[in-house]
Amino acid sequence: MSARRADIQTSARSPFAGCAILITALLVMVFLVVFSVITLFRQFNEIARFTGEKPQPVELTQVEGREADLNRLAEKIELFRQQLAGTGEARLALGPEELNLAIAAYEPFKDLRGTFRVLSADDGRLRVAISFPMNGRPRFTREGEEGMITSDMRYLNGTLVASPALLKREVVLRIENIEVPGATVPREFIEQMSPYRITERYLTDPQIGPAMAGLTRVSVEDGGLVFAKVPGEVPQDVIGRDQVNHATSRLFVVIGVAASIFLLFAGTVIFLGLRAKAGRTGN
C-alpha cells in the first residue's frame, strides 16, 4: 500500500510534462529566430538584384529665371487654399512640370529633391523617376573597442508607376509597377511598398495637413494631378488600413502559425502526461 502511494506521489511530481513544454517552447523560439534570419537574408539578396550600390540622382527643375512660372503656381495654390476654406467646390490641377517646380521651389518638399521627379501623368497613372535609399545586408563593424551592427546602403533607381489615392487624411500612391533597367522588381516587394505614403510627413504641417484633410478626391486627369473637394461627396479611392498593413499582416500570420504549432505540441504533451499519470494512478 505504501509503495503504491509513493508511486502516485512520484508521478504527481514528475517533471516530464513541464520539461517537454519548455523544450517545445525553446524549439519554437529557435525556429522563429532561424526563420526570421533566413527570411531577412533572402530579402536582402532579392533586393540586391534590382538595386544599385550608388544613387542615380534624378533631375531637379531649375527655378532661376522662372519668376513668372513661380508666380502663376503660387496664385493657383493660393486660390485653391481659399476655395478649401469655403463651402463650395475646390479644385487644383497641376501638370508634371508644375509639380516638379513645386518640389524645387517650396521648402516642405526639399526631401524629394534629387529622389523624386514626375515624368508624366496619363491614363490615370503617374510615372515618376525615383532614386530611393534602402537598407541592404547587415554587417558587423568594430570602432575602437565597441562593435556595432550597420547595413550596406542600396539604392532603388528606376521609374515608379502609380495611381494616386486617399488614405484617411493623406494622399498616397498605389504602386502598380517599379521599372528598373536590366532587372525585374518582384511583385512581393511592390505589394509591400504599396501604398507609398509619400505625404505622411506632411500630416502635421500647418498648411499641407489641413489641406489634405479637406480633400474628397485625388486623380490623374487631362495630363495632370488633380486635387479636389466636392461638397457632400464621400472621399473616393479610400485605401483601407488592411492594405497599408499588408506586410505586417503576413508577418503576424507566420507568427500565429508558429504559435498555433507550439500550443498544439504543448497541449499534446500535457494530455499525454496527464493520461500517463492517470494510468499509473489507476494501477
C-alpha atoms as a PDB file:
ATOM      1  CA  MET A   1       0.000   0.000   0.000  1.00  0.00           C
ATOM      2  CA  SER A   2       2.780   2.409   0.942  1.00  0.00           C
ATOM      3  CA  ALA A   3       4.681   1.518  -2.258  1.00  0.00           C
ATOM      4  CA  ARG A   4       1.672   2.387  -4.396  1.00  0.00           C
ATOM      5  CA  ARG A   5       1.201   5.703  -2.545  1.00  0.00           C
ATOM      6  CA  ALA A   6       4.862   6.552  -3.135  1.00  0.00           C
ATOM      7  CA  ASP A   7       4.461   5.744  -6.830  1.00  0.00           C
ATOM      8  CA  ILE A   8       1.462   8.085  -7.074  1.00  0.00           C
ATOM      9  CA  GLN A   9       3.346  10.909  -5.324  1.00  0.00           C
ATOM     10  CA  THR A  10       6.319  10.375  -7.632  1.00  0.00           C
ATOM     11  CA  SER A  11       4.051  10.543 -10.678  1.00  0.00           C
ATOM     12  CA  ALA A  12       2.469  13.751  -9.388  1.00  0.00           C
ATOM     13  CA  ARG A  13       5.901  15.288  -9.016  1.00  0.00           C
ATOM     14  CA  SER A  14       7.155  14.045 -12.378  1.00  0.00           C
ATOM     15  CA  PRO A  15       8.811  16.883 -14.294  1.00  0.00           C
ATOM     16  CA  PHE A  16       8.243  15.215 -17.681  1.00  0.00           C
ATOM     17  CA  ALA A  17       5.344  17.399 -18.805  1.00  0.00           C
ATOM     18  CA  GLY A  18       6.965  20.649 -17.682  1.00  0.00           C
ATOM     19  CA  CYS A  19      10.304  19.814 -19.282  1.00  0.00           C
ATOM     20  CA  ALA A  20       8.647  18.779 -22.522  1.00  0.00           C
ATOM     21  CA  ILE A  21       6.715  22.039 -22.705  1.00  0.00           C
ATOM     22  CA  LEU A  22       9.893  24.021 -22.020  1.00  0.00           C
ATOM     23  CA  ILE A  23      11.791  22.113 -24.688  1.00  0.00           C
ATOM     24  CA  THR A  24       8.949  22.650 -27.155  1.00  0.00           C
ATOM     25  CA  ALA A  25       8.878  26.368 -26.371  1.00  0.00           C
ATOM     26  CA  LEU A  26      12.635  26.626 -26.903  1.00  0.00           C
ATOM     27  CA  LEU A  27      12.398  24.747 -30.193  1.00  0.00           C
ATOM     28  CA  VAL A  28       9.624  27.041 -31.414  1.00  0.00           C
ATOM     29  CA  MET A  29      11.653  30.104 -30.381  1.00  0.00           C
ATOM     30  CA  VAL A  30      14.714  28.777 -32.203  1.00  0.00           C
ATOM     31  CA  PHE A  31      12.557  28.071 -35.249  1.00  0.00           C
ATOM     32  CA  LEU A  32      11.200  31.625 -35.258  1.00  0.00           C
ATOM     33  CA  VAL A  33      14.688  33.129 -34.903  1.00  0.00           C
ATOM     34  CA  VAL A  34      16.175  30.953 -37.649  1.00  0.00           C
ATOM     35  CA  PHE A  35      13.173  31.508 -39.902  1.00  0.00           C
ATOM     36  CA  SER A  36      13.380  35.295 -39.398  1.00  0.00           C
ATOM     37  CA  VAL A  37      17.124  35.390 -40.128  1.00  0.00           C
ATOM     38  CA  ILE A  38      16.780  33.241 -43.262  1.00  0.00           C
ATOM     39  CA  THR A  39      13.845  35.332 -44.487  1.00  0.00           C
ATOM     40  CA  LEU A  40      15.757  38.547 -43.791  1.00  0.00           C
ATOM     41  CA  PHE A  41      18.834  37.479 -45.742  1.00  0.00           C
ATOM     42  CA  ARG A  42      16.728  36.115 -48.585  1.00  0.00           C
ATOM     43  CA  GLN A  43      15.044  39.505 -48.754  1.00  0.00           C
ATOM     44  CA  PHE A  44      18.414  41.285 -48.823  1.00  0.00           C
ATOM     45  CA  ASN A  45      19.607  39.003 -51.613  1.00  0.00           C
ATOM     46  CA  GLU A  46      16.477  39.715 -53.655  1.00  0.00           C
ATOM     47  CA  ILE A  47      16.779  43.468 -53.066  1.00  0.00           C
ATOM     48  CA  ALA A  48      20.384  43.374 -54.277  1.00  0.00           C
ATOM     49  CA  ARG A  49      19.171  42.056 -57.647  1.00  0.00           C
ATOM     50  CA  PHE A  50      17.262  45.214 -58.567  1.00  0.00           C
ATOM     51  CA  THR A  51      19.036  47.918 -56.558  1.00  0.00           C
ATOM     52  CA  GLY A  52      22.379  49.622 -57.051  1.00  0.00           C
ATOM     53  CA  GLU A  53      25.320  50.419 -54.824  1.00  0.00           C
ATOM     54  CA  LYS A  54      25.199  54.092 -55.777  1.00  0.00           C
ATOM     55  CA  PRO A  55      22.305  56.544 -56.189  1.00  0.00           C
ATOM     56  CA  GLN A  56      21.403  57.945 -59.557  1.00  0.00           C
ATOM     57  CA  PRO A  57      20.003  61.352 -58.578  1.00  0.00           C
ATOM     58  CA  VAL A  58      17.057  62.391 -60.709  1.00  0.00           C
ATOM     59  CA  GLU A  59      16.906  65.731 -62.457  1.00  0.00           C
ATOM     60  CA  LEU A  60      15.920  68.754 -60.378  1.00  0.00           C
ATOM     61  CA  THR A  61      13.905  71.522 -62.024  1.00  0.00           C
ATOM     62  CA  GLN A  62      15.716  74.840 -62.080  1.00  0.00           C
ATOM     63  CA  VAL A  63      13.935  77.830 -60.573  1.00  0.00           C
ATOM     64  CA  GLU A  64      16.338  80.580 -61.616  1.00  0.00           C
ATOM     65  CA  GLY A  65      14.811  82.953 -64.135  1.00  0.00           C
ATOM     66  CA  ARG A  66      11.332  81.431 -63.813  1.00  0.00           C
ATOM     67  CA  GLU A  67       9.672  84.107 -61.744  1.00  0.00           C
ATOM     68  CA  ALA A  68       6.613  84.193 -63.996  1.00  0.00           C
ATOM     69  CA  ASP A  69       6.048  80.438 -63.687  1.00  0.00           C
ATOM     70  CA  LEU A  70       6.576  80.588 -59.944  1.00  0.00           C
ATOM     71  CA  ASN A  71       4.055  83.415 -59.614  1.00  0.00           C
ATOM     72  CA  ARG A  72       1.427  81.512 -61.616  1.00  0.00           C
ATOM     73  CA  LEU A  73       1.991  78.435 -59.492  1.00  0.00           C
ATOM     74  CA  ALA A  74       1.709  80.433 -56.274  1.00  0.00           C
ATOM     75  CA  GLU A  75      -1.541  82.028 -57.479  1.00  0.00           C
ATOM     76  CA  LYS A  76      -3.074  78.640 -58.310  1.00  0.00           C
ATOM     77  CA  ILE A  77      -2.146  77.231 -54.915  1.00  0.00           C
ATOM     78  CA  GLU A  78      -3.412  80.294 -53.064  1.00  0.00           C
ATOM     79  CA  LEU A  79      -6.727  80.190 -54.941  1.00  0.00           C
ATOM     80  CA  PHE A  80      -7.104  76.516 -54.052  1.00  0.00           C
ATOM     81  CA  ARG A  81      -6.347  77.276 -50.404  1.00  0.00           C
ATOM     82  CA  GLN A  82      -9.086  79.911 -50.342  1.00  0.00           C
ATOM     83  CA  GLN A  83     -11.540  77.545 -52.019  1.00  0.00           C
ATOM     84  CA  LEU A  84     -10.820  74.844 -49.448  1.00  0.00           C
ATOM     85  CA  ALA A  85     -11.597  77.275 -46.662  1.00  0.00           C
ATOM     86  CA  GLY A  86     -15.013  77.974 -48.172  1.00  0.00           C
ATOM     87  CA  THR A  87     -18.114  75.823 -48.518  1.00  0.00           C
ATOM     88  CA  GLY A  88     -18.047  75.440 -52.296  1.00  0.00           C
ATOM     89  CA  GLU A  89     -16.094  73.217 -54.623  1.00  0.00           C
ATOM     90  CA  ALA A  90     -12.301  73.400 -54.706  1.00  0.00           C
ATOM     91  CA  ARG A  91     -10.041  72.113 -57.471  1.00  0.00           C
ATOM     92  CA  LEU A  92      -6.305  72.247 -58.167  1.00  0.00           C
ATOM     93  CA  ALA A  93      -4.794  70.683 -61.294  1.00  0.00           C
ATOM     94  CA  LEU A  94      -1.026  70.560 -61.595  1.00  0.00           C
ATOM     95  CA  GLY A  95       0.887  69.206 -64.583  1.00  0.00           C
ATOM     96  CA  PRO A  96       4.184  67.325 -64.240  1.00  0.00           C
ATOM     97  CA  GLU A  97       6.270  70.459 -64.788  1.00  0.00           C
ATOM     98  CA  GLU A  98       4.294  72.373 -62.145  1.00  0.00           C
ATOM     99  CA  LEU A  99       4.685  69.503 -59.675  1.00  0.00           C
ATOM    100  CA  ASN A 100       8.438  69.399 -60.276  1.00  0.00           C
ATOM    101  CA  LEU A 101       8.644  73.175 -59.956  1.00  0.00           C
ATOM    102  CA  ALA A 102       6.842  72.985 -56.601  1.00  0.00           C
ATOM    103  CA  ILE A 103       9.299  70.338 -55.397  1.00  0.00           C
ATOM    104  CA  ALA A 104      12.236  72.571 -56.389  1.00  0.00           C
ATOM    105  CA  ALA A 105      10.799  75.809 -55.038  1.00  0.00           C
ATOM    106  CA  TYR A 106       8.935  75.019 -51.806  1.00  0.00           C
ATOM    107  CA  GLU A 107      10.818  74.162 -48.626  1.00  0.00           C
ATOM    108  CA  PRO A 108       8.434  71.419 -47.346  1.00  0.00           C
ATOM    109  CA  PHE A 109       9.313  69.327 -50.431  1.00  0.00           C
ATOM    110  CA  LYS A 110      13.084  69.578 -50.087  1.00  0.00           C
ATOM    111  CA  ASP A 111      13.387  65.898 -49.070  1.00  0.00           C
ATOM    112  CA  LEU A 112      12.048  64.909 -52.504  1.00  0.00           C
ATOM    113  CA  ARG A 113      14.678  66.832 -54.428  1.00  0.00           C
ATOM    114  CA  GLY A 114      17.013  64.581 -56.335  1.00  0.00           C
ATOM    115  CA  THR A 115      14.978  61.469 -55.452  1.00  0.00           C
ATOM    116  CA  PHE A 116      11.526  62.085 -56.956  1.00  0.00           C
ATOM    117  CA  ARG A 117      10.531  63.649 -60.286  1.00  0.00           C
ATOM    118  CA  VAL A 118       7.194  63.339 -62.087  1.00  0.00           C
ATOM    119  CA  LEU A 119       7.750  62.285 -65.701  1.00  0.00           C
ATOM    120  CA  SER A 120       4.164  62.079 -66.947  1.00  0.00           C
ATOM    121  CA  ALA A 121       0.532  61.903 -65.887  1.00  0.00           C
ATOM    122  CA  ASP A 122      -1.576  59.835 -68.292  1.00  0.00           C
ATOM    123  CA  ASP A 123      -4.253  57.125 -68.239  1.00  0.00           C
ATOM    124  CA  GLY A 124      -4.912  57.626 -64.547  1.00  0.00           C
ATOM    125  CA  ARG A 125      -1.285  56.954 -63.604  1.00  0.00           C
ATOM    126  CA  LEU A 126       1.824  58.864 -62.685  1.00  0.00           C
ATOM    127  CA  ARG A 127       5.248  57.870 -63.945  1.00  0.00           C
ATOM    128  CA  VAL A 128       7.887  59.042 -61.503  1.00  0.00           C
ATOM    129  CA  ALA A 129      11.671  58.857 -61.714  1.00  0.00           C
ATOM    130  CA  ILE A 130      12.985  57.757 -58.309  1.00  0.00           C
ATOM    131  CA  SER A 131      16.263  57.159 -56.505  1.00  0.00           C
ATOM    132  CA  PHE A 132      15.341  55.831 -53.063  1.00  0.00           C
ATOM    133  CA  PRO A 133      17.914  54.781 -50.412  1.00  0.00           C
ATOM    134  CA  MET A 134      17.313  51.392 -48.822  1.00  0.00           C
ATOM    135  CA  ASN A 135      18.973  49.295 -46.146  1.00  0.00           C
ATOM    136  CA  GLY A 136      20.999  46.418 -47.516  1.00  0.00           C
ATOM    137  CA  ARG A 137      22.677  43.401 -45.925  1.00  0.00           C
ATOM    138  CA  PRO A 138      23.538  43.950 -42.233  1.00  0.00           C
ATOM    139  CA  ARG A 139      27.197  43.733 -41.227  1.00  0.00           C
ATOM    140  CA  PHE A 140      29.183  43.948 -38.004  1.00  0.00           C
ATOM    141  CA  THR A 141      31.753  46.708 -37.737  1.00  0.00           C
ATOM    142  CA  ARG A 142      34.180  47.491 -34.959  1.00  0.00           C
ATOM    143  CA  GLU A 143      35.021  51.019 -33.932  1.00  0.00           C
ATOM    144  CA  GLY A 144      37.539  51.235 -31.116  1.00  0.00           C
ATOM    145  CA  GLU A 145      36.568  48.616 -28.555  1.00  0.00           C
ATOM    146  CA  GLU A 146      32.851  48.655 -29.282  1.00  0.00           C
ATOM    147  CA  GLY A 147      31.176  46.818 -32.118  1.00  0.00           C
ATOM    148  CA  MET A 148      28.005  47.850 -33.869  1.00  0.00           C
ATOM    149  CA  ILE A 149      25.680  46.439 -36.480  1.00  0.00           C
ATOM    150  CA  THR A 150      25.251  48.563 -39.590  1.00  0.00           C
ATOM    151  CA  SER A 151      23.947  47.863 -43.066  1.00  0.00           C
ATOM    152  CA  ASP A 152      25.187  48.450 -46.567  1.00  0.00           C
ATOM    153  CA  MET A 153      23.124  51.081 -48.330  1.00  0.00           C
ATOM    154  CA  ARG A 154      21.365  50.142 -51.554  1.00  0.00           C
ATOM    155  CA  TYR A 155      19.513  52.448 -53.952  1.00  0.00           C
ATOM    156  CA  LEU A 156      16.330  51.811 -55.860  1.00  0.00           C
ATOM    157  CA  ASN A 157      16.926  53.657 -59.136  1.00  0.00           C
ATOM    158  CA  GLY A 158      14.112  53.420 -61.640  1.00  0.00           C
ATOM    159  CA  THR A 159      10.600  54.522 -62.557  1.00  0.00           C
ATOM    160  CA  LEU A 160       7.572  54.283 -60.329  1.00  0.00           C
ATOM    161  CA  VAL A 161       4.211  53.643 -61.998  1.00  0.00           C
ATOM    162  CA  ALA A 162       1.423  54.513 -59.585  1.00  0.00           C
ATOM    163  CA  SER A 163      -2.060  55.934 -59.242  1.00  0.00           C
ATOM    164  CA  PRO A 164      -2.932  58.483 -56.535  1.00  0.00           C
ATOM    165  CA  ALA A 165      -5.449  57.663 -53.831  1.00  0.00           C
ATOM    166  CA  LEU A 166      -6.625  58.846 -50.426  1.00  0.00           C
ATOM    167  CA  LEU A 167      -5.814  57.259 -47.082  1.00  0.00           C
ATOM    168  CA  LYS A 168      -7.835  58.957 -44.389  1.00  0.00           C
ATOM    169  CA  ARG A 169      -6.172  62.393 -44.196  1.00  0.00           C
ATOM    170  CA  GLU A 170      -3.321  61.900 -46.658  1.00  0.00           C
ATOM    171  CA  VAL A 171      -2.548  61.406 -50.325  1.00  0.00           C
ATOM    172  CA  VAL A 172      -0.805  58.129 -51.144  1.00  0.00           C
ATOM    173  CA  LEU A 173       0.453  56.391 -54.258  1.00  0.00           C
ATOM    174  CA  ARG A 174      -0.917  52.968 -55.109  1.00  0.00           C
ATOM    175  CA  ILE A 175       2.071  51.375 -56.837  1.00  0.00           C
ATOM    176  CA  GLU A 176       1.333  49.263 -59.883  1.00  0.00           C
ATOM    177  CA  ASN A 177       4.892  48.660 -61.062  1.00  0.00           C
ATOM    178  CA  ILE A 178       8.511  49.628 -60.498  1.00  0.00           C
ATOM    179  CA  GLU A 179      10.634  49.638 -63.625  1.00  0.00           C
ATOM    180  CA  VAL A 180      14.375  49.149 -63.183  1.00  0.00           C
ATOM    181  CA  PRO A 181      16.641  48.922 -66.260  1.00  0.00           C
ATOM    182  CA  GLY A 182      18.044  45.418 -66.649  1.00  0.00           C
ATOM    183  CA  ALA A 183      16.164  43.961 -63.680  1.00  0.00           C
ATOM    184  CA  THR A 184      12.723  42.823 -62.575  1.00  0.00           C
ATOM    185  CA  VAL A 185      11.271  44.001 -59.280  1.00  0.00           C
ATOM    186  CA  PRO A 186       9.410  41.116 -57.566  1.00  0.00           C
ATOM    187  CA  ARG A 187       5.685  41.556 -57.164  1.00  0.00           C
ATOM    188  CA  GLU A 188       6.004  40.805 -53.425  1.00  0.00           C
ATOM    189  CA  PHE A 189       8.296  43.805 -52.957  1.00  0.00           C
ATOM    190  CA  ILE A 190       5.907  46.070 -54.869  1.00  0.00           C
ATOM    191  CA  GLU A 191       2.981  44.901 -52.744  1.00  0.00           C
ATOM    192  CA  GLN A 192       4.914  45.571 -49.550  1.00  0.00           C
ATOM    193  CA  MET A 193       5.829  49.072 -50.717  1.00  0.00           C
ATOM    194  CA  SER A 194       2.281  49.915 -51.805  1.00  0.00           C
ATOM    195  CA  PRO A 195       0.608  52.121 -50.879  1.00  0.00           C
ATOM    196  CA  TYR A 196       3.562  54.504 -50.776  1.00  0.00           C
ATOM    197  CA  ARG A 197       2.763  57.063 -48.083  1.00  0.00           C
ATOM    198  CA  ILE A 198       4.674  59.890 -49.680  1.00  0.00           C
ATOM    199  CA  THR A 199       2.740  62.641 -47.851  1.00  0.00           C
ATOM    200  CA  GLU A 200       2.733  61.076 -44.377  1.00  0.00           C
ATOM    201  CA  ARG A 201       5.450  63.528 -43.344  1.00  0.00           C
ATOM    202  CA  TYR A 202       3.085  66.442 -44.062  1.00  0.00           C
ATOM    203  CA  LEU A 203       0.235  65.367 -41.776  1.00  0.00           C
ATOM    204  CA  THR A 204       1.491  67.723 -39.070  1.00  0.00           C
ATOM    205  CA  ASP A 205       2.343  70.559 -41.450  1.00  0.00           C
ATOM    206  CA  PRO A 206       0.141  73.555 -40.511  1.00  0.00           C
ATOM    207  CA  GLN A 207      -0.817  74.237 -44.145  1.00  0.00           C
ATOM    208  CA  ILE A 208      -0.487  70.987 -46.082  1.00  0.00           C
ATOM    209  CA  GLY A 209      -2.036  68.803 -43.369  1.00  0.00           C
ATOM    210  CA  PRO A 210      -5.402  70.625 -43.176  1.00  0.00           C
ATOM    211  CA  ALA A 211      -5.496  70.921 -46.985  1.00  0.00           C
ATOM    212  CA  MET A 212      -5.167  67.155 -47.435  1.00  0.00           C
ATOM    213  CA  ALA A 213      -7.787  66.538 -44.758  1.00  0.00           C
ATOM    214  CA  GLY A 214     -10.314  68.571 -46.765  1.00  0.00           C
ATOM    215  CA  LEU A 215      -9.910  66.578 -49.993  1.00  0.00           C
ATOM    216  CA  THR A 216     -12.605  64.234 -51.251  1.00  0.00           C
ATOM    217  CA  ARG A 217     -10.877  63.190 -54.469  1.00  0.00           C
ATOM    218  CA  VAL A 218      -7.426  62.892 -55.991  1.00  0.00           C
ATOM    219  CA  SER A 219      -6.911  61.655 -59.526  1.00  0.00           C
ATOM    220  CA  VAL A 220      -4.951  61.926 -62.751  1.00  0.00           C
ATOM    221  CA  GLU A 221      -6.910  63.800 -65.425  1.00  0.00           C
ATOM    222  CA  ASP A 222      -6.011  65.595 -68.646  1.00  0.00           C
ATOM    223  CA  GLY A 223      -2.282  65.125 -68.180  1.00  0.00           C
ATOM    224  CA  GLY A 224      -2.153  66.419 -64.618  1.00  0.00           C
ATOM    225  CA  LEU A 225      -2.636  65.533 -60.960  1.00  0.00           C
ATOM    226  CA  VAL A 226      -5.967  66.841 -59.677  1.00  0.00           C
ATOM    227  CA  PHE A 227      -6.822  67.579 -56.045  1.00  0.00           C
ATOM    228  CA  ALA A 228     -10.485  68.288 -55.398  1.00  0.00           C
ATOM    229  CA  LYS A 229     -13.076  68.911 -52.710  1.00  0.00           C
ATOM    230  CA  VAL A 230     -16.706  68.414 -53.687  1.00  0.00           C
ATOM    231  CA  PRO A 231     -19.277  69.383 -51.030  1.00  0.00           C
ATOM    232  CA  GLY A 232     -21.288  66.383 -49.886  1.00  0.00           C
ATOM    233  CA  GLU A 233     -19.067  63.907 -51.688  1.00  0.00           C
ATOM    234  CA  VAL A 234     -17.707  60.886 -49.852  1.00  0.00           C
ATOM    235  CA  PRO A 235     -13.933  60.647 -50.413  1.00  0.00           C
ATOM    236  CA  GLN A 236     -13.170  58.301 -53.296  1.00  0.00           C
ATOM    237  CA  ASP A 237     -10.496  55.631 -53.659  1.00  0.00           C
ATOM    238  CA  VAL A 238     -10.008  55.405 -49.916  1.00  0.00           C
ATOM    239  CA  ILE A 239      -7.414  52.730 -49.143  1.00  0.00           C
ATOM    240  CA  GLY A 240      -8.173  50.607 -46.110  1.00  0.00           C
ATOM    241  CA  ARG A 241      -5.752  50.054 -43.258  1.00  0.00           C
ATOM    242  CA  ASP A 242      -5.610  46.369 -44.176  1.00  0.00           C
ATOM    243  CA  GLN A 243      -3.814  47.320 -47.398  1.00  0.00           C
ATOM    244  CA  VAL A 244      -1.405  49.630 -45.578  1.00  0.00           C
ATOM    245  CA  ASN A 245      -0.505  46.898 -43.108  1.00  0.00           C
ATOM    246  CA  HIS A 246      -0.291  44.134 -45.715  1.00  0.00           C
ATOM    247  CA  ALA A 247       3.314  43.194 -44.970  1.00  0.00           C
ATOM    248  CA  THR A 248       2.739  43.381 -41.213  1.00  0.00           C
ATOM    249  CA  SER A 249      -0.304  41.146 -41.533  1.00  0.00           C
ATOM    250  CA  ARG A 250       1.723  38.497 -43.350  1.00  0.00           C
ATOM    251  CA  LEU A 251       4.284  38.558 -40.550  1.00  0.00           C
ATOM    252  CA  PHE A 252       1.568  38.105 -37.932  1.00  0.00           C
ATOM    253  CA  VAL A 253       0.166  35.164 -39.904  1.00  0.00           C
ATOM    254  CA  VAL A 254       3.552  33.422 -39.771  1.00  0.00           C
ATOM    255  CA  ILE A 255       3.891  34.130 -36.055  1.00  0.00           C
ATOM    256  CA  GLY A 256       0.332  32.952 -35.496  1.00  0.00           C
ATOM    257  CA  VAL A 257       1.004  29.668 -37.289  1.00  0.00           C
ATOM    258  CA  ALA A 258       4.144  29.104 -35.222  1.00  0.00           C
ATOM    259  CA  ALA A 259       2.249  29.912 -32.027  1.00  0.00           C
ATOM    260  CA  SER A 260      -0.522  27.504 -33.009  1.00  0.00           C
ATOM    261  CA  ILE A 261       2.041  24.758 -33.595  1.00  0.00           C
ATOM    262  CA  PHE A 262       3.508  25.451 -30.168  1.00  0.00           C
ATOM    263  CA  LEU A 263       0.110  25.305 -28.493  1.00  0.00           C
ATOM    264  CA  LEU A 264      -0.688  22.069 -30.314  1.00  0.00           C
ATOM    265  CA  PHE A 265       2.561  20.441 -29.176  1.00  0.00           C
ATOM    266  CA  ALA A 266       2.166  21.785 -25.653  1.00  0.00           C
ATOM    267  CA  GLY A 267      -1.426  20.554 -25.446  1.00  0.00           C
ATOM    268  CA  THR A 268      -0.424  17.131 -26.753  1.00  0.00           C
ATOM    269  CA  VAL A 269       2.407  16.841 -24.238  1.00  0.00           C
ATOM    270  CA  ILE A 270       0.143  17.853 -21.356  1.00  0.00           C
ATOM    271  CA  PHE A 271      -2.561  15.423 -22.488  1.00  0.00           C
ATOM    272  CA  LEU A 272      -0.077  12.525 -22.727  1.00  0.00           C
ATOM    273  CA  GLY A 273       1.421  13.445 -19.383  1.00  0.00           C
ATOM    274  CA  LEU A 274      -1.974  13.538 -17.681  1.00  0.00           C
ATOM    275  CA  ARG A 275      -3.015  10.309 -19.367  1.00  0.00           C
ATOM    276  CA  ALA A 276       0.151   8.554 -18.218  1.00  0.00           C
ATOM    277  CA  LYS A 277      -0.343   9.910 -14.731  1.00  0.00           C
ATOM    278  CA  ALA A 278      -3.969   8.689 -14.659  1.00  0.00           C
ATOM    279  CA  GLY A 279      -2.840   5.252 -15.832  1.00  0.00           C
ATOM    280  CA  ARG A 280      -0.273   4.982 -13.079  1.00  0.00           C
ATOM    281  CA  THR A 281      -2.791   6.217 -10.520  1.00  0.00           C
ATOM    282  CA  GLY A 282      -5.270   3.610 -11.669  1.00  0.00           C
ATOM    283  CA  ASN A 283      -2.699   0.893 -11.099  1.00  0.00           C
END
